[in-house]
C-alpha atoms as a PDB file:
ATOM      1  CA  UNK A   1      87.680  11.198  -5.394  1.00  0.00           C
ATOM      2  CA  UNK A   2      90.286  11.915  -2.738  1.00  0.00           C
ATOM      3  CA  UNK A   3      90.118  12.666   0.937  1.00  0.00           C
ATOM      4  CA  UNK A   4      91.357  16.087   1.895  1.00  0.00           C
ATOM      5  CA  UNK A   5      93.155  16.319   5.195  1.00  0.00           C
ATOM      6  CA  UNK A   6      92.277  19.140   7.486  1.00  0.00           C
ATOM      7  CA  UNK A   7      93.422  20.624  10.719  1.00  0.00           C
ATOM      8  CA  UNK A   8      90.907  21.498  13.388  1.00  0.00           C
ATOM      9  CA  UNK A   9      92.030  24.239  15.777  1.00  0.00           C
ATOM     10  CA  UNK A  10      91.435  23.829  19.474  1.00  0.00           C
ATOM     11  CA  UNK A  11      90.087  26.612  21.666  1.00  0.00           C
ATOM     12  CA  UNK A  12      90.713  27.312  25.340  1.00  0.00           C
ATOM     13  CA  UNK A  13      86.965  27.255  26.058  1.00  0.00           C
ATOM     14  CA  UNK A  14      86.133  23.505  26.184  1.00  0.00           C
ATOM     15  CA  UNK A  15      82.436  24.194  25.577  1.00  0.00           C
ATOM     16  CA  UNK A  16      83.184  25.696  22.140  1.00  0.00           C
ATOM     17  CA  UNK A  17      86.232  23.597  21.258  1.00  0.00           C
ATOM     18  CA  UNK A  18      85.645  21.172  18.348  1.00  0.00           C
ATOM     19  CA  UNK A  19      88.715  19.115  19.302  1.00  0.00           C
ATOM     20  CA  UNK A  20      87.498  18.625  22.895  1.00  0.00           C
ATOM     21  CA  UNK A  21      84.015  17.726  21.616  1.00  0.00           C
ATOM     22  CA  UNK A  22      85.392  15.120  19.215  1.00  0.00           C
ATOM     23  CA  UNK A  23      87.677  13.634  21.888  1.00  0.00           C
ATOM     24  CA  UNK A  24      84.777  13.442  24.334  1.00  0.00           C
ATOM     25  CA  UNK A  25      82.545  11.797  21.725  1.00  0.00           C
ATOM     26  CA  UNK A  26      85.155   9.160  20.898  1.00  0.00           C
ATOM     27  CA  UNK A  27      85.797   8.428  24.590  1.00  0.00           C
ATOM     28  CA  UNK A  28      82.093   8.170  25.426  1.00  0.00           C
ATOM     29  CA  UNK A  29      81.315   5.892  22.492  1.00  0.00           C
ATOM     30  CA  UNK A  30      84.464   3.757  22.695  1.00  0.00           C
ATOM     31  CA  UNK A  31      82.729   0.824  24.401  1.00  0.00           C
ATOM     32  CA  UNK A  32      80.400   0.482  21.383  1.00  0.00           C
ATOM     33  CA  UNK A  33      83.226   0.502  18.815  1.00  0.00           C
ATOM     34  CA  UNK A  34      83.277  -3.200  18.078  1.00  0.00           C
ATOM     35  CA  UNK A  35      82.440  -5.361  15.087  1.00  0.00           C
ATOM     36  CA  UNK A  36      81.079  -3.587  12.028  1.00  0.00           C
ATOM     37  CA  UNK A  37      81.496  -0.089  13.479  1.00  0.00           C
ATOM     38  CA  UNK A  38      84.997  -0.532  14.968  1.00  0.00           C
ATOM     39  CA  UNK A  39      86.486   1.765  12.303  1.00  0.00           C
ATOM     40  CA  UNK A  40      83.521   4.126  11.944  1.00  0.00           C
ATOM     41  CA  UNK A  41      83.517   7.529  13.546  1.00  0.00           C
ATOM     42  CA  UNK A  42      79.724   7.786  13.475  1.00  0.00           C
ATOM     43  CA  UNK A  43      77.350   4.943  14.253  1.00  0.00           C
ATOM     44  CA  UNK A  44      73.886   4.507  15.681  1.00  0.00           C
ATOM     45  CA  UNK A  45      73.690   4.573  19.447  1.00  0.00           C
ATOM     46  CA  UNK A  46      70.847   2.101  19.504  1.00  0.00           C
ATOM     47  CA  UNK A  47      71.490  -1.604  19.384  1.00  0.00           C
ATOM     48  CA  UNK A  48      72.783  -3.210  17.127  1.00  0.00           C
ATOM     49  CA  UNK A  49      75.211  -0.212  16.842  1.00  0.00           C
ATOM     50  CA  UNK A  50      75.729  -0.118  13.084  1.00  0.00           C
ATOM     51  CA  UNK A  51      77.666   2.499  11.119  1.00  0.00           C
ATOM     52  CA  UNK A  52      75.293   5.241   9.966  1.00  0.00           C
ATOM     53  CA  UNK A  53      74.536   5.846   6.302  1.00  0.00           C
ATOM     54  CA  UNK A  54      75.505   8.960   4.332  1.00  0.00           C
ATOM     55  CA  UNK A  55      71.801   9.925   4.305  1.00  0.00           C
ATOM     56  CA  UNK A  56      71.716   9.926   8.106  1.00  0.00           C
ATOM     57  CA  UNK A  57      74.836  12.090   8.309  1.00  0.00           C
ATOM     58  CA  UNK A  58      73.340  14.455   5.715  1.00  0.00           C
ATOM     59  CA  UNK A  59      70.156  14.768   7.797  1.00  0.00           C
ATOM     60  CA  UNK A  60      72.223  15.463  10.943  1.00  0.00           C
ATOM     61  CA  UNK A  61      74.211  18.182   9.143  1.00  0.00           C
ATOM     62  CA  UNK A  62      71.058  19.874   7.811  1.00  0.00           C
ATOM     63  CA  UNK A  63      69.487  19.788  11.284  1.00  0.00           C
ATOM     64  CA  UNK A  64      72.542  21.433  12.852  1.00  0.00           C
ATOM     65  CA  UNK A  65      72.769  24.010  10.074  1.00  0.00           C
ATOM     66  CA  UNK A  66      69.111  24.891  10.559  1.00  0.00           C
ATOM     67  CA  UNK A  67      69.552  25.259  14.332  1.00  0.00           C
ATOM     68  CA  UNK A  68      72.572  27.529  13.665  1.00  0.00           C
ATOM     69  CA  UNK A  69      70.410  29.864  11.590  1.00  0.00           C
ATOM     70  CA  UNK A  70      71.560  28.700   8.162  1.00  0.00           C
ATOM     71  CA  UNK A  71      68.861  28.795   5.502  1.00  0.00           C
ATOM     72  CA  UNK A  72      68.762  25.128   4.481  1.00  0.00           C
ATOM     73  CA  UNK A  73      66.689  25.985   1.421  1.00  0.00           C
ATOM     74  CA  UNK A  74      69.793  27.822   0.156  1.00  0.00           C
ATOM     75  CA  UNK A  75      72.568  25.699   1.715  1.00  0.00           C
ATOM     76  CA  UNK A  76      72.378  21.917   1.855  1.00  0.00           C
ATOM     77  CA  UNK A  77      74.468  19.400   3.782  1.00  0.00           C
ATOM     78  CA  UNK A  78      76.957  19.351   0.915  1.00  0.00           C
ATOM     79  CA  UNK A  79      77.448  23.125   1.007  1.00  0.00           C
ATOM     80  CA  UNK A  80      78.693  23.750   4.539  1.00  0.00           C
ATOM     81  CA  UNK A  81      81.867  25.302   3.127  1.00  0.00           C
ATOM     82  CA  UNK A  82      79.789  27.731   1.059  1.00  0.00           C
ATOM     83  CA  UNK A  83      77.631  28.580   4.073  1.00  0.00           C
ATOM     84  CA  UNK A  84      80.723  29.251   6.206  1.00  0.00           C
ATOM     85  CA  UNK A  85      82.336  31.312   3.449  1.00  0.00           C
ATOM     86  CA  UNK A  86      79.177  33.393   2.991  1.00  0.00           C
ATOM     87  CA  UNK A  87      78.953  33.933   6.757  1.00  0.00           C
ATOM     88  CA  UNK A  88      82.602  34.996   6.849  1.00  0.00           C
ATOM     89  CA  UNK A  89      82.083  37.413   3.980  1.00  0.00           C
ATOM     90  CA  UNK A  90      79.057  39.039   5.584  1.00  0.00           C
ATOM     91  CA  UNK A  91      81.003  39.288   8.854  1.00  0.00           C
ATOM     92  CA  UNK A  92      83.731  41.293   7.141  1.00  0.00           C
ATOM     93  CA  UNK A  93      86.406  38.675   6.463  1.00  0.00           C
ATOM     94  CA  UNK A  94      88.722  39.603   3.624  1.00  0.00           C
ATOM     95  CA  UNK A  95      88.047  37.683   0.402  1.00  0.00           C
ATOM     96  CA  UNK A  96      91.709  36.580   0.181  1.00  0.00           C
ATOM     97  CA  UNK A  97      91.413  34.904   3.594  1.00  0.00           C
ATOM     98  CA  UNK A  98      88.202  33.141   2.569  1.00  0.00           C
ATOM     99  CA  UNK A  99      89.782  31.918  -0.672  1.00  0.00           C
ATOM    100  CA  UNK A 100      92.860  30.605   1.150  1.00  0.00           C
ATOM    101  CA  UNK A 101      90.894  28.808   3.874  1.00  0.00           C
ATOM    102  CA  UNK A 102      88.446  27.295   1.394  1.00  0.00           C
ATOM    103  CA  UNK A 103      91.233  26.272  -1.013  1.00  0.00           C
ATOM    104  CA  UNK A 104      89.756  28.285  -3.885  1.00  0.00           C
ATOM    105  CA  UNK A 105      92.160  29.664  -6.483  1.00  0.00           C
ATOM    106  CA  UNK A 106      89.903  32.372  -7.936  1.00  0.00           C
ATOM    107  CA  UNK A 107      87.590  34.887  -6.328  1.00  0.00           C
ATOM    108  CA  UNK A 108      85.157  34.382  -9.207  1.00  0.00           C
ATOM    109  CA  UNK A 109      84.437  30.856  -7.904  1.00  0.00           C
ATOM    110  CA  UNK A 110      83.443  32.259  -4.528  1.00  0.00           C
ATOM    111  CA  UNK A 111      81.343  35.101  -5.921  1.00  0.00           C
ATOM    112  CA  UNK A 112      79.630  32.994  -8.573  1.00  0.00           C
ATOM    113  CA  UNK A 113      78.810  29.848  -6.604  1.00  0.00           C
ATOM    114  CA  UNK A 114      79.159  30.437  -2.872  1.00  0.00           C
ATOM    115  CA  UNK A 115      78.562  34.044  -1.801  1.00  0.00           C
ATOM    116  CA  UNK A 116      74.970  33.936  -0.653  1.00  0.00           C
ATOM    117  CA  UNK A 117      72.908  36.015   1.711  1.00  0.00           C
ATOM    118  CA  UNK A 118      73.060  35.056   5.371  1.00  0.00           C
ATOM    119  CA  UNK A 119      70.902  36.306   8.206  1.00  0.00           C
ATOM    120  CA  UNK A 120      73.582  38.088  10.228  1.00  0.00           C
ATOM    121  CA  UNK A 121      71.231  38.858  13.124  1.00  0.00           C
ATOM    122  CA  UNK A 122      70.706  35.142  13.722  1.00  0.00           C
ATOM    123  CA  UNK A 123      74.407  34.387  13.256  1.00  0.00           C
ATOM    124  CA  UNK A 124      75.382  37.163  15.664  1.00  0.00           C
ATOM    125  CA  UNK A 125      72.945  35.851  18.246  1.00  0.00           C
ATOM    126  CA  UNK A 126      74.412  32.372  17.943  1.00  0.00           C
ATOM    127  CA  UNK A 127      78.102  33.119  17.491  1.00  0.00           C
ATOM    128  CA  UNK A 128      78.436  36.517  19.208  1.00  0.00           C
ATOM    129  CA  UNK A 129      79.825  39.693  17.711  1.00  0.00           C
ATOM    130  CA  UNK A 130      83.470  39.118  18.608  1.00  0.00           C
ATOM    131  CA  UNK A 131      83.956  35.625  17.197  1.00  0.00           C
ATOM    132  CA  UNK A 132      86.330  34.701  14.417  1.00  0.00           C
ATOM    133  CA  UNK A 133      84.480  34.709  11.087  1.00  0.00           C
ATOM    134  CA  UNK A 134      85.419  31.107  10.243  1.00  0.00           C
END
């Protein structure tokens, strides 16, 4: 297995900016980054401040997906890319753009495995009508 690098865009609105949120998180938790969790991005915020397990991160992802209106009976923590791609498709994003951003070579992969229904009324309420689809 390999790690895929990614680029996270920043936004002018600091409330919605993932880069600003990550920077703030790292700054606020820096004093606890010692010992076993010195090199961990995510760790428990209760003493003894240990790195969290993959199961904990999975639970966090599912909780956030559920609060964002994603049907977690259809999309699990390991299918955030599919959930985002389905949301983009329903929002009118061109399939070529979805394929490029998701690093998929063939449209058949998207249509066969990832294009799922998405409650656009919930997504619109959360993300607004004028947001970028991805």
